[in-house]
mmCIF file of all heavy atoms, coordinates in Angstrom:
data_MODEL
# 
_entry.id   MODEL 
# 
loop_
_atom_site.group_PDB 
_atom_site.id 
_atom_site.type_symbol 
_atom_site.label_atom_id 
_atom_site.label_alt_id 
_atom_site.label_comp_id 
_atom_site.label_asym_id 
_atom_site.label_entity_id 
_atom_site.label_seq_id 
_atom_site.pdbx_PDB_ins_code 
_atom_site.Cartn_x 
_atom_site.Cartn_y 
_atom_site.Cartn_z 
_atom_site.occupancy 
_atom_site.B_iso_or_equiv 
_atom_site.pdbx_formal_charge 
_atom_site.auth_seq_id 
_atom_site.auth_comp_id 
_atom_site.auth_asym_id 
_atom_site.auth_atom_id 
_atom_site.pdbx_PDB_model_num 
ATOM 1   N N   . PHE A 1 1  ? -9.454  -13.232 0.740   1.00 0.00 ? 1  PHE A N   1 
ATOM 2   C CA  . PHE A 1 1  ? -10.168 -14.187 -0.119  1.00 0.00 ? 1  PHE A CA  1 
ATOM 3   C C   . PHE A 1 1  ? -10.376 -13.688 -1.541  1.00 0.00 ? 1  PHE A C   1 
ATOM 4   O O   . PHE A 1 1  ? -11.450 -13.714 -2.093  1.00 0.00 ? 1  PHE A O   1 
ATOM 5   C CB  . PHE A 1 1  ? -11.497 -14.593 0.496   1.00 0.00 ? 1  PHE A CB  1 
ATOM 6   C CG  . PHE A 1 1  ? -11.360 -15.124 1.897   1.00 0.00 ? 1  PHE A CG  1 
ATOM 7   C CD1 . PHE A 1 1  ? -11.929 -14.469 2.969   1.00 0.00 ? 1  PHE A CD1 1 
ATOM 8   C CD2 . PHE A 1 1  ? -10.602 -16.285 2.169   1.00 0.00 ? 1  PHE A CD2 1 
ATOM 9   C CE1 . PHE A 1 1  ? -11.796 -14.953 4.269   1.00 0.00 ? 1  PHE A CE1 1 
ATOM 10  C CE2 . PHE A 1 1  ? -10.463 -16.761 3.441   1.00 0.00 ? 1  PHE A CE2 1 
ATOM 11  C CZ  . PHE A 1 1  ? -11.063 -16.103 4.507   1.00 0.00 ? 1  PHE A CZ  1 
ATOM 12  N N   . ILE A 1 2  ? -9.260  -13.230 -2.126  1.00 0.00 ? 2  ILE A N   1 
ATOM 13  C CA  . ILE A 1 2  ? -9.288  -12.841 -3.548  1.00 0.00 ? 2  ILE A CA  1 
ATOM 14  C C   . ILE A 1 2  ? -9.393  -14.142 -4.348  1.00 0.00 ? 2  ILE A C   1 
ATOM 15  O O   . ILE A 1 2  ? -8.561  -15.027 -4.201  1.00 0.00 ? 2  ILE A O   1 
ATOM 16  C CB  . ILE A 1 2  ? -8.002  -12.088 -3.956  1.00 0.00 ? 2  ILE A CB  1 
ATOM 17  C CG1 . ILE A 1 2  ? -7.836  -10.824 -3.096  1.00 0.00 ? 2  ILE A CG1 1 
ATOM 18  C CG2 . ILE A 1 2  ? -8.021  -11.749 -5.433  1.00 0.00 ? 2  ILE A CG2 1 
ATOM 19  C CD1 . ILE A 1 2  ? -6.450  -10.199 -3.189  1.00 0.00 ? 2  ILE A CD1 1 
ATOM 20  N N   . GLN A 1 3  ? -10.414 -14.247 -5.186  1.00 0.00 ? 3  GLN A N   1 
ATOM 21  C CA  . GLN A 1 3  ? -10.633 -15.452 -5.966  1.00 0.00 ? 3  GLN A CA  1 
ATOM 22  C C   . GLN A 1 3  ? -10.009 -15.282 -7.358  1.00 0.00 ? 3  GLN A C   1 
ATOM 23  O O   . GLN A 1 3  ? -10.311 -14.311 -8.042  1.00 0.00 ? 3  GLN A O   1 
ATOM 24  C CB  . GLN A 1 3  ? -12.116 -15.756 -6.098  1.00 0.00 ? 3  GLN A CB  1 
ATOM 25  C CG  . GLN A 1 3  ? -12.777 -16.044 -4.768  1.00 0.00 ? 3  GLN A CG  1 
ATOM 26  C CD  . GLN A 1 3  ? -14.277 -16.313 -4.934  1.00 0.00 ? 3  GLN A CD  1 
ATOM 27  O OE1 . GLN A 1 3  ? -14.868 -16.107 -5.990  1.00 0.00 ? 3  GLN A OE1 1 
ATOM 28  N NE2 . GLN A 1 3  ? -14.906 -16.774 -3.844  1.00 0.00 ? 3  GLN A NE2 1 
ATOM 29  N N   . VAL A 1 4  ? -9.152  -16.233 -7.693  1.00 0.00 ? 4  VAL A N   1 
ATOM 30  C CA  . VAL A 1 4  ? -8.547  -16.248 -9.030  1.00 0.00 ? 4  VAL A CA  1 
ATOM 31  C C   . VAL A 1 4  ? -8.986  -17.544 -9.685  1.00 0.00 ? 4  VAL A C   1 
ATOM 32  O O   . VAL A 1 4  ? -8.631  -18.650 -9.234  1.00 0.00 ? 4  VAL A O   1 
ATOM 33  C CB  . VAL A 1 4  ? -7.006  -16.172 -8.956  1.00 0.00 ? 4  VAL A CB  1 
ATOM 34  C CG1 . VAL A 1 4  ? -6.446  -16.060 -10.363 1.00 0.00 ? 4  VAL A CG1 1 
ATOM 35  C CG2 . VAL A 1 4  ? -6.564  -14.982 -8.111  1.00 0.00 ? 4  VAL A CG2 1 
ATOM 36  N N   . GLY A 1 5  ? -9.812  -17.426 -10.700 1.00 0.00 ? 5  GLY A N   1 
ATOM 37  C CA  . GLY A 1 5  ? -10.371 -18.613 -11.369 1.00 0.00 ? 5  GLY A CA  1 
ATOM 38  C C   . GLY A 1 5  ? -9.325  -19.498 -12.000 1.00 0.00 ? 5  GLY A C   1 
ATOM 39  O O   . GLY A 1 5  ? -8.207  -19.074 -12.333 1.00 0.00 ? 5  GLY A O   1 
ATOM 40  N N   . ALA A 1 6  ? -9.698  -20.751 -12.189 1.00 0.00 ? 6  ALA A N   1 
ATOM 41  C CA  . ALA A 1 6  ? -8.816  -21.723 -12.850 1.00 0.00 ? 6  ALA A CA  1 
ATOM 42  C C   . ALA A 1 6  ? -8.397  -21.190 -14.216 1.00 0.00 ? 6  ALA A C   1 
ATOM 43  O O   . ALA A 1 6  ? -9.231  -20.754 -14.999 1.00 0.00 ? 6  ALA A O   1 
ATOM 44  C CB  . ALA A 1 6  ? -9.529  -23.058 -12.999 1.00 0.00 ? 6  ALA A CB  1 
ATOM 45  N N   . GLY A 1 7  ? -7.093  -21.185 -14.475 1.00 0.00 ? 7  GLY A N   1 
ATOM 46  C CA  . GLY A 1 7  ? -6.578  -20.715 -15.742 1.00 0.00 ? 7  GLY A CA  1 
ATOM 47  C C   . GLY A 1 7  ? -6.696  -19.225 -15.952 1.00 0.00 ? 7  GLY A C   1 
ATOM 48  O O   . GLY A 1 7  ? -6.496  -18.723 -17.055 1.00 0.00 ? 7  GLY A O   1 
ATOM 49  N N   . GLY A 1 8  ? -7.003  -18.478 -14.884 1.00 0.00 ? 8  GLY A N   1 
ATOM 50  C CA  . GLY A 1 8  ? -7.232  -17.035 -15.021 1.00 0.00 ? 8  GLY A CA  1 
ATOM 51  C C   . GLY A 1 8  ? -6.175  -16.184 -14.326 1.00 0.00 ? 8  GLY A C   1 
ATOM 52  O O   . GLY A 1 8  ? -5.220  -16.691 -13.759 1.00 0.00 ? 8  GLY A O   1 
ATOM 53  N N   . SER A 1 9  ? -6.413  -14.887 -14.412 1.00 0.00 ? 9  SER A N   1 
ATOM 54  C CA  . SER A 1 9  ? -5.540  -13.952 -13.741 1.00 0.00 ? 9  SER A CA  1 
ATOM 55  C C   . SER A 1 9  ? -6.369  -12.771 -13.246 1.00 0.00 ? 9  SER A C   1 
ATOM 56  O O   . SER A 1 9  ? -7.472  -12.551 -13.724 1.00 0.00 ? 9  SER A O   1 
ATOM 57  C CB  . SER A 1 9  ? -4.408  -13.466 -14.663 1.00 0.00 ? 9  SER A CB  1 
ATOM 58  O OG  . SER A 1 9  ? -4.950  -12.695 -15.738 1.00 0.00 ? 9  SER A OG  1 
ATOM 59  N N   . GLN A 1 10 ? -5.802  -12.051 -12.313 1.00 0.00 ? 10 GLN A N   1 
ATOM 60  C CA  . GLN A 1 10 ? -6.492  -10.890 -11.751 1.00 0.00 ? 10 GLN A CA  1 
ATOM 61  C C   . GLN A 1 10 ? -5.453  -9.823  -11.396 1.00 0.00 ? 10 GLN A C   1 
ATOM 62  O O   . GLN A 1 10 ? -4.452  -10.123 -10.741 1.00 0.00 ? 10 GLN A O   1 
ATOM 63  C CB  . GLN A 1 10 ? -7.299  -11.273 -10.537 1.00 0.00 ? 10 GLN A CB  1 
ATOM 64  C CG  . GLN A 1 10 ? -8.141  -10.118 -10.013 1.00 0.00 ? 10 GLN A CG  1 
ATOM 65  C CD  . GLN A 1 10 ? -9.165  -10.603 -8.985  1.00 0.00 ? 10 GLN A CD  1 
ATOM 66  O OE1 . GLN A 1 10 ? -9.384  -11.778 -8.792  1.00 0.00 ? 10 GLN A OE1 1 
ATOM 67  N NE2 . GLN A 1 10 ? -9.774  -9.640  -8.322  1.00 0.00 ? 10 GLN A NE2 1 
ATOM 68  N N   . ARG A 1 11 ? -5.674  -8.593  -11.824 1.00 0.00 ? 11 ARG A N   1 
ATOM 69  C CA  . ARG A 1 11 ? -4.787  -7.469  -11.539 1.00 0.00 ? 11 ARG A CA  1 
ATOM 70  C C   . ARG A 1 11 ? -5.261  -6.837  -10.208 1.00 0.00 ? 11 ARG A C   1 
ATOM 71  O O   . ARG A 1 11 ? -6.458  -6.567  -10.033 1.00 0.00 ? 11 ARG A O   1 
ATOM 72  C CB  . ARG A 1 11 ? -4.811  -6.453  -12.647 1.00 0.00 ? 11 ARG A CB  1 
ATOM 73  C CG  . ARG A 1 11 ? -3.750  -5.406  -12.536 1.00 0.00 ? 11 ARG A CG  1 
ATOM 74  C CD  . ARG A 1 11 ? -2.428  -5.909  -12.986 1.00 0.00 ? 11 ARG A CD  1 
ATOM 75  N NE  . ARG A 1 11 ? -1.380  -4.903  -12.809 1.00 0.00 ? 11 ARG A NE  1 
ATOM 76  C CZ  . ARG A 1 11 ? -0.131  -5.199  -12.633 1.00 0.00 ? 11 ARG A CZ  1 
ATOM 77  N NH1 . ARG A 1 11 ? 0.287   -6.437  -12.661 1.00 0.00 ? 11 ARG A NH1 1 
ATOM 78  N NH2 . ARG A 1 11 ? 0.776   -4.248  -12.489 1.00 0.00 ? 11 ARG A NH2 1 
ATOM 79  N N   . ILE A 1 12 ? -4.334  -6.598  -9.301  1.00 0.00 ? 12 ILE A N   1 
ATOM 80  C CA  . ILE A 1 12 ? -4.639  -6.020  -8.005  1.00 0.00 ? 12 ILE A CA  1 
ATOM 81  C C   . ILE A 1 12 ? -3.862  -4.721  -7.867  1.00 0.00 ? 12 ILE A C   1 
ATOM 82  O O   . ILE A 1 12 ? -2.694  -4.654  -8.218  1.00 0.00 ? 12 ILE A O   1 
ATOM 83  C CB  . ILE A 1 12 ? -4.228  -6.976  -6.854  1.00 0.00 ? 12 ILE A CB  1 
ATOM 84  C CG1 . ILE A 1 12 ? -4.804  -8.360  -7.023  1.00 0.00 ? 12 ILE A CG1 1 
ATOM 85  C CG2 . ILE A 1 12 ? -4.561  -6.354  -5.509  1.00 0.00 ? 12 ILE A CG2 1 
ATOM 86  C CD1 . ILE A 1 12 ? -6.313  -8.434  -6.922  1.00 0.00 ? 12 ILE A CD1 1 
ATOM 87  N N   . GLU A 1 13 ? -4.510  -3.688  -7.344  1.00 0.00 ? 13 GLU A N   1 
ATOM 88  C CA  . GLU A 1 13 ? -3.860  -2.403  -7.118  1.00 0.00 ? 13 GLU A CA  1 
ATOM 89  C C   . GLU A 1 13 ? -4.199  -1.874  -5.736  1.00 0.00 ? 13 GLU A C   1 
ATOM 90  O O   . GLU A 1 13 ? -5.332  -1.989  -5.274  1.00 0.00 ? 13 GLU A O   1 
ATOM 91  C CB  . GLU A 1 13 ? -4.332  -1.381  -8.155  1.00 0.00 ? 13 GLU A CB  1 
ATOM 92  C CG  . GLU A 1 13 ? -3.966  -1.738  -9.586  1.00 0.00 ? 13 GLU A CG  1 
ATOM 93  C CD  . GLU A 1 13 ? -4.431  -0.732  -10.592 1.00 0.00 ? 13 GLU A CD  1 
ATOM 94  O OE1 . GLU A 1 13 ? -4.918  0.389   -10.184 1.00 0.00 ? 13 GLU A OE1 1 
ATOM 95  O OE2 . GLU A 1 13 ? -4.332  -0.990  -11.795 1.00 0.00 ? 13 GLU A OE2 1 
ATOM 96  N N   . HIS A 1 14 ? -3.182  -1.335  -5.073  1.00 0.00 ? 14 HIS A N   1 
ATOM 97  C CA  . HIS A 1 14 ? -3.354  -0.693  -3.787  1.00 0.00 ? 14 HIS A CA  1 
ATOM 98  C C   . HIS A 1 14 ? -2.659  0.680   -3.852  1.00 0.00 ? 14 HIS A C   1 
ATOM 99  O O   . HIS A 1 14 ? -1.558  0.779   -4.354  1.00 0.00 ? 14 HIS A O   1 
ATOM 100 C CB  . HIS A 1 14 ? -2.636  -1.470  -2.659  1.00 0.00 ? 14 HIS A CB  1 
ATOM 101 C CG  . HIS A 1 14 ? -3.093  -2.880  -2.467  1.00 0.00 ? 14 HIS A CG  1 
ATOM 102 N ND1 . HIS A 1 14 ? -4.118  -3.213  -1.593  1.00 0.00 ? 14 HIS A ND1 1 
ATOM 103 C CD2 . HIS A 1 14 ? -2.660  -4.033  -3.009  1.00 0.00 ? 14 HIS A CD2 1 
ATOM 104 C CE1 . HIS A 1 14 ? -4.270  -4.531  -1.610  1.00 0.00 ? 14 HIS A CE1 1 
ATOM 105 N NE2 . HIS A 1 14 ? -3.414  -5.056  -2.477  1.00 0.00 ? 14 HIS A NE2 1 
ATOM 106 N N   . VAL A 1 15 ? -3.328  1.683   -3.290  1.00 0.00 ? 15 VAL A N   1 
ATOM 107 C CA  . VAL A 1 15 ? -2.711  3.013   -3.159  1.00 0.00 ? 15 VAL A CA  1 
ATOM 108 C C   . VAL A 1 15 ? -2.993  3.475   -1.727  1.00 0.00 ? 15 VAL A C   1 
ATOM 109 O O   . VAL A 1 15 ? -4.141  3.494   -1.296  1.00 0.00 ? 15 VAL A O   1 
ATOM 110 C CB  . VAL A 1 15 ? -3.332  4.023   -4.153  1.00 0.00 ? 15 VAL A CB  1 
ATOM 111 C CG1 . VAL A 1 15 ? -2.720  5.412   -3.937  1.00 0.00 ? 15 VAL A CG1 1 
ATOM 112 C CG2 . VAL A 1 15 ? -3.093  3.574   -5.597  1.00 0.00 ? 15 VAL A CG2 1 
ATOM 113 N N   . LEU A 1 16 ? -1.929  3.803   -1.016  1.00 0.00 ? 16 LEU A N   1 
ATOM 114 C CA  . LEU A 1 16 ? -2.067  4.245   0.352   1.00 0.00 ? 16 LEU A CA  1 
ATOM 115 C C   . LEU A 1 16 ? -1.421  5.622   0.532   1.00 0.00 ? 16 LEU A C   1 
ATOM 116 O O   . LEU A 1 16 ? -0.336  5.873   -0.025  1.00 0.00 ? 16 LEU A O   1 
ATOM 117 C CB  . LEU A 1 16 ? -1.374  3.289   1.337   1.00 0.00 ? 16 LEU A CB  1 
ATOM 118 C CG  . LEU A 1 16 ? -2.027  1.928   1.544   1.00 0.00 ? 16 LEU A CG  1 
ATOM 119 C CD1 . LEU A 1 16 ? -1.571  0.938   0.511   1.00 0.00 ? 16 LEU A CD1 1 
ATOM 120 C CD2 . LEU A 1 16 ? -1.745  1.443   2.923   1.00 0.00 ? 16 LEU A CD2 1 
ATOM 121 N N   . ASN A 1 17 ? -2.062  6.476   1.314   1.00 0.00 ? 17 ASN A N   1 
ATOM 122 C CA  . ASN A 1 17 ? -1.513  7.778   1.661   1.00 0.00 ? 17 ASN A CA  1 
ATOM 123 C C   . ASN A 1 17 ? -1.375  7.823   3.161   1.00 0.00 ? 17 ASN A C   1 
ATOM 124 O O   . ASN A 1 17 ? -2.322  7.568   3.893   1.00 0.00 ? 17 ASN A O   1 
ATOM 125 C CB  . ASN A 1 17 ? -2.432  8.904   1.189   1.00 0.00 ? 17 ASN A CB  1 
ATOM 126 C CG  . ASN A 1 17 ? -2.444  9.012   -0.310  1.00 0.00 ? 17 ASN A CG  1 
ATOM 127 O OD1 . ASN A 1 17 ? -1.413  9.157   -0.950  1.00 0.00 ? 17 ASN A OD1 1 
ATOM 128 N ND2 . ASN A 1 17 ? -3.634  8.935   -0.922  1.00 0.00 ? 17 ASN A ND2 1 
ATOM 129 N N   . LEU A 1 18 ? -0.175  8.149   3.608   1.00 0.00 ? 18 LEU A N   1 
ATOM 130 C CA  . LEU A 1 18 ? 0.116   8.275   5.042   1.00 0.00 ? 18 LEU A CA  1 
ATOM 131 C C   . LEU A 1 18 ? 0.255   9.790   5.336   1.00 0.00 ? 18 LEU A C   1 
ATOM 132 O O   . LEU A 1 18 ? 1.218   10.416  4.893   1.00 0.00 ? 18 LEU A O   1 
ATOM 133 C CB  . LEU A 1 18 ? 1.414   7.538   5.403   1.00 0.00 ? 18 LEU A CB  1 
ATOM 134 C CG  . LEU A 1 18 ? 1.852   7.617   6.861   1.00 0.00 ? 18 LEU A CG  1 
ATOM 135 C CD1 . LEU A 1 18 ? 0.797   7.046   7.794   1.00 0.00 ? 18 LEU A CD1 1 
ATOM 136 C CD2 . LEU A 1 18 ? 3.187   6.885   7.018   1.00 0.00 ? 18 LEU A CD2 1 
ATOM 137 N N   . VAL A 1 19 ? -0.725  10.320  6.035   1.00 0.00 ? 19 VAL A N   1 
ATOM 138 C CA  . VAL A 1 19 ? -0.735  11.741  6.383   1.00 0.00 ? 19 VAL A CA  1 
ATOM 139 C C   . VAL A 1 19 ? -0.269  11.864  7.821   1.00 0.00 ? 19 VAL A C   1 
ATOM 140 O O   . VAL A 1 19 ? -0.823  11.236  8.719   1.00 0.00 ? 19 VAL A O   1 
ATOM 141 C CB  . VAL A 1 19 ? -2.159  12.334  6.200   1.00 0.00 ? 19 VAL A CB  1 
ATOM 142 C CG1 . VAL A 1 19 ? -2.177  13.802  6.601   1.00 0.00 ? 19 VAL A CG1 1 
ATOM 143 C CG2 . VAL A 1 19 ? -2.640  12.142  4.770   1.00 0.00 ? 19 VAL A CG2 1 
ATOM 144 N N   . ALA A 1 20 ? 0.775   12.706  8.019   1.00 0.00 ? 20 ALA A N   1 
ATOM 145 C CA  . ALA A 1 20 ? 1.327   12.819  9.366   1.00 0.00 ? 20 ALA A CA  1 
ATOM 146 C C   . ALA A 1 20 ? 2.027   14.191  9.509   1.00 0.00 ? 20 ALA A C   1 
ATOM 147 O O   . ALA A 1 20 ? 2.334   14.855  8.506   1.00 0.00 ? 20 ALA A O   1 
ATOM 148 C CB  . ALA A 1 20 ? 2.336   11.714  9.628   1.00 0.00 ? 20 ALA A CB  1 
ATOM 149 N N   . SER A 1 21 ? 2.265   14.561  10.750  1.00 0.00 ? 21 SER A N   1 
ATOM 150 C CA  . SER A 1 21 ? 3.161   15.689  11.023  1.00 0.00 ? 21 SER A CA  1 
ATOM 151 C C   . SER A 1 21 ? 4.199   15.224  12.020  1.00 0.00 ? 21 SER A C   1 
ATOM 152 O O   . SER A 1 21 ? 3.997   14.255  12.759  1.00 0.00 ? 21 SER A O   1 
ATOM 153 C CB  . SER A 1 21 ? 2.360   16.873  11.564  1.00 0.00 ? 21 SER A CB  1 
ATOM 154 O OG  . SER A 1 21 ? 1.799   16.564  12.822  1.00 0.00 ? 21 SER A OG  1 
ATOM 155 N N   . TYR A 1 22 ? 5.315   15.900  12.014  1.00 0.00 ? 22 TYR A N   1 
ATOM 156 C CA  . TYR A 1 22 ? 6.465   15.466  12.825  1.00 0.00 ? 22 TYR A CA  1 
ATOM 157 C C   . TYR A 1 22 ? 6.883   16.622  13.723  1.00 0.00 ? 22 TYR A C   1 
ATOM 158 O O   . TYR A 1 22 ? 7.045   17.749  13.263  1.00 0.00 ? 22 TYR A O   1 
ATOM 159 C CB  . TYR A 1 22 ? 7.595   15.021  11.904  1.00 0.00 ? 22 TYR A CB  1 
ATOM 160 C CG  . TYR A 1 22 ? 7.139   13.908  10.975  1.00 0.00 ? 22 TYR A CG  1 
ATOM 161 C CD1 . TYR A 1 22 ? 6.613   14.187  9.719   1.00 0.00 ? 22 TYR A CD1 1 
ATOM 162 C CD2 . TYR A 1 22 ? 7.151   12.602  11.405  1.00 0.00 ? 22 TYR A CD2 1 
ATOM 163 C CE1 . TYR A 1 22 ? 6.141   13.173  8.905   1.00 0.00 ? 22 TYR A CE1 1 
ATOM 164 C CE2 . TYR A 1 22 ? 6.684   11.558  10.587  1.00 0.00 ? 22 TYR A CE2 1 
ATOM 165 C CZ  . TYR A 1 22 ? 6.198   11.855  9.319   1.00 0.00 ? 22 TYR A CZ  1 
ATOM 166 O OH  . TYR A 1 22 ? 5.717   10.861  8.530   1.00 0.00 ? 22 TYR A OH  1 
ATOM 167 N N   . ASP A 1 23 ? 7.081   16.315  15.013  1.00 0.00 ? 23 ASP A N   1 
ATOM 168 C CA  . ASP A 1 23 ? 7.366   17.371  15.975  1.00 0.00 ? 23 ASP A CA  1 
ATOM 169 C C   . ASP A 1 23 ? 8.844   17.502  16.301  1.00 0.00 ? 23 ASP A C   1 
ATOM 170 O O   . ASP A 1 23 ? 9.237   18.321  17.137  1.00 0.00 ? 23 ASP A O   1 
ATOM 171 C CB  . ASP A 1 23 ? 6.544   17.202  17.238  1.00 0.00 ? 23 ASP A CB  1 
ATOM 172 C CG  . ASP A 1 23 ? 6.773   15.841  17.908  1.00 0.00 ? 23 ASP A CG  1 
ATOM 173 O OD1 . ASP A 1 23 ? 7.607   15.082  17.441  1.00 0.00 ? 23 ASP A OD1 1 
ATOM 174 O OD2 . ASP A 1 23 ? 6.063   15.556  18.901  1.00 0.00 ? 23 ASP A OD2 1 
ATOM 175 N N   . GLN A 1 24 ? 9.689   16.702  15.648  1.00 0.00 ? 24 GLN A N   1 
ATOM 176 C CA  . GLN A 1 24 ? 11.135  16.752  15.845  1.00 0.00 ? 24 GLN A CA  1 
ATOM 177 C C   . GLN A 1 24 ? 11.845  16.751  14.499  1.00 0.00 ? 24 GLN A C   1 
ATOM 178 O O   . GLN A 1 24 ? 11.410  16.026  13.582  1.00 0.00 ? 24 GLN A O   1 
ATOM 179 C CB  . GLN A 1 24 ? 11.620  15.534  16.655  1.00 0.00 ? 24 GLN A CB  1 
ATOM 180 C CG  . GLN A 1 24 ? 11.051  15.421  18.054  1.00 0.00 ? 24 GLN A CG  1 
ATOM 181 C CD  . GLN A 1 24 ? 11.589  16.496  18.975  1.00 0.00 ? 24 GLN A CD  1 
ATOM 182 O OE1 . GLN A 1 24 ? 12.749  16.877  18.880  1.00 0.00 ? 24 GLN A OE1 1 
ATOM 183 N NE2 . GLN A 1 24 ? 10.735  17.024  19.832  1.00 0.00 ? 24 GLN A NE2 1 
ATOM 184 N N   . PRO A 1 25 ? 12.929  17.511  14.358  1.00 0.00 ? 25 PRO A N   1 
ATOM 185 C CA  . PRO A 1 25 ? 13.685  17.436  13.117  1.00 0.00 ? 25 PRO A CA  1 
ATOM 186 C C   . PRO A 1 25 ? 14.464  16.130  13.029  1.00 0.00 ? 25 PRO A C   1 
ATOM 187 O O   . PRO A 1 25 ? 14.748  15.494  14.042  1.00 0.00 ? 25 PRO A O   1 
ATOM 188 C CB  . PRO A 1 25 ? 14.653  18.637  13.231  1.00 0.00 ? 25 PRO A CB  1 
ATOM 189 C CG  . PRO A 1 25 ? 14.779  18.904  14.700  1.00 0.00 ? 25 PRO A CG  1 
ATOM 190 C CD  . PRO A 1 25 ? 13.463  18.469  15.314  1.00 0.00 ? 25 PRO A CD  1 
ATOM 191 N N   . GLY A 1 26 ? 14.797  15.704  11.810  1.00 0.00 ? 26 GLY A N   1 
ATOM 192 C CA  . GLY A 1 26 ? 15.583  14.500  11.630  1.00 0.00 ? 26 GLY A CA  1 
ATOM 193 C C   . GLY A 1 26 ? 15.113  13.690  10.443  1.00 0.00 ? 26 GLY A C   1 
ATOM 194 O O   . GLY A 1 26 ? 14.191  14.058  9.717   1.00 0.00 ? 26 GLY A O   1 
ATOM 195 N N   . ASP A 1 27 ? 15.778  12.544  10.255  1.00 0.00 ? 27 ASP A N   1 
ATOM 196 C CA  . ASP A 1 27 ? 15.449  11.652  9.149   1.00 0.00 ? 27 ASP A CA  1 
ATOM 197 C C   . ASP A 1 27 ? 14.218  10.812  9.459   1.00 0.00 ? 27 ASP A C   1 
ATOM 198 O O   . ASP A 1 27 ? 14.060  10.344  10.606  1.00 0.00 ? 27 ASP A O   1 
ATOM 199 C CB  . ASP A 1 27 ? 16.599  10.692  8.866   1.00 0.00 ? 27 ASP A CB  1 
ATOM 200 C CG  . ASP A 1 27 ? 17.833  11.410  8.307   1.00 0.00 ? 27 ASP A CG  1 
ATOM 201 O OD1 . ASP A 1 27 ? 17.697  12.544  7.864   1.00 0.00 ? 27 ASP A OD1 1 
ATOM 202 O OD2 . ASP A 1 27 ? 18.923  10.810  8.330   1.00 0.00 ? 27 ASP A OD2 1 
ATOM 203 N N   . VAL A 1 28 ? 13.369  10.629  8.463   1.00 0.00 ? 28 VAL A N   1 
ATOM 204 C CA  . VAL A 1 28 ? 12.192  9.752   8.583   1.00 0.00 ? 28 VAL A CA  1 
ATOM 205 C C   . VAL A 1 28 ? 12.243  8.753   7.417   1.00 0.00 ? 28 VAL A C   1 
ATOM 206 O O   . VAL A 1 28 ? 12.444  9.137   6.270   1.00 0.00 ? 28 VAL A O   1 
ATOM 207 C CB  . VAL A 1 28 ? 10.861  10.548  8.530   1.00 0.00 ? 28 VAL A CB  1 
ATOM 208 C CG1 . VAL A 1 28 ? 9.671   9.615   8.556   1.00 0.00 ? 28 VAL A CG1 1 
ATOM 209 C CG2 . VAL A 1 28 ? 10.803  11.544  9.676   1.00 0.00 ? 28 VAL A CG2 1 
ATOM 210 N N   . THR A 1 29 ? 12.100  7.478   7.728   1.00 0.00 ? 29 THR A N   1 
ATOM 211 C CA  . THR A 1 29 ? 12.060  6.412   6.711   1.00 0.00 ? 29 THR A CA  1 
ATOM 212 C C   . THR A 1 29 ? 10.623  5.924   6.598   1.00 0.00 ? 29 THR A C   1 
ATOM 213 O O   . THR A 1 29 ? 9.955   5.655   7.591   1.00 0.00 ? 29 THR A O   1 
ATOM 214 C CB  . THR A 1 29 ? 12.982  5.261   7.081   1.00 0.00 ? 29 THR A CB  1 
ATOM 215 O OG1 . THR A 1 29 ? 14.325  5.741   7.181   1.00 0.00 ? 29 THR A OG1 1 
ATOM 216 C CG2 . THR A 1 29 ? 12.925  4.165   6.036   1.00 0.00 ? 29 THR A CG2 1 
ATOM 217 N N   . VAL A 1 30 ? 10.132  5.828   5.355   1.00 0.00 ? 30 VAL A N   1 
ATOM 218 C CA  . VAL A 1 30 ? 8.793   5.338   5.080   1.00 0.00 ? 30 VAL A CA  1 
ATOM 219 C C   . VAL A 1 30 ? 8.948   4.012   4.334   1.00 0.00 ? 30 VAL A C   1 
ATOM 220 O O   . VAL A 1 30 ? 9.631   3.958   3.308   1.00 0.00 ? 30 VAL A O   1 
ATOM 221 C CB  . VAL A 1 30 ? 7.956   6.315   4.268   1.00 0.00 ? 30 VAL A CB  1 
ATOM 222 C CG1 . VAL A 1 30 ? 6.592   5.745   3.911   1.00 0.00 ? 30 VAL A CG1 1 
ATOM 223 C CG2 . VAL A 1 30 ? 7.819   7.647   4.996   1.00 0.00 ? 30 VAL A CG2 1 
# 
């Protein structure tokens, strides 16, 4: 429910960090 007023604009930013460990060798796609 992001509200954008009539005739207006709003800048949105998202930053995500995925912390993980891997127990097998090989390619990983994110």
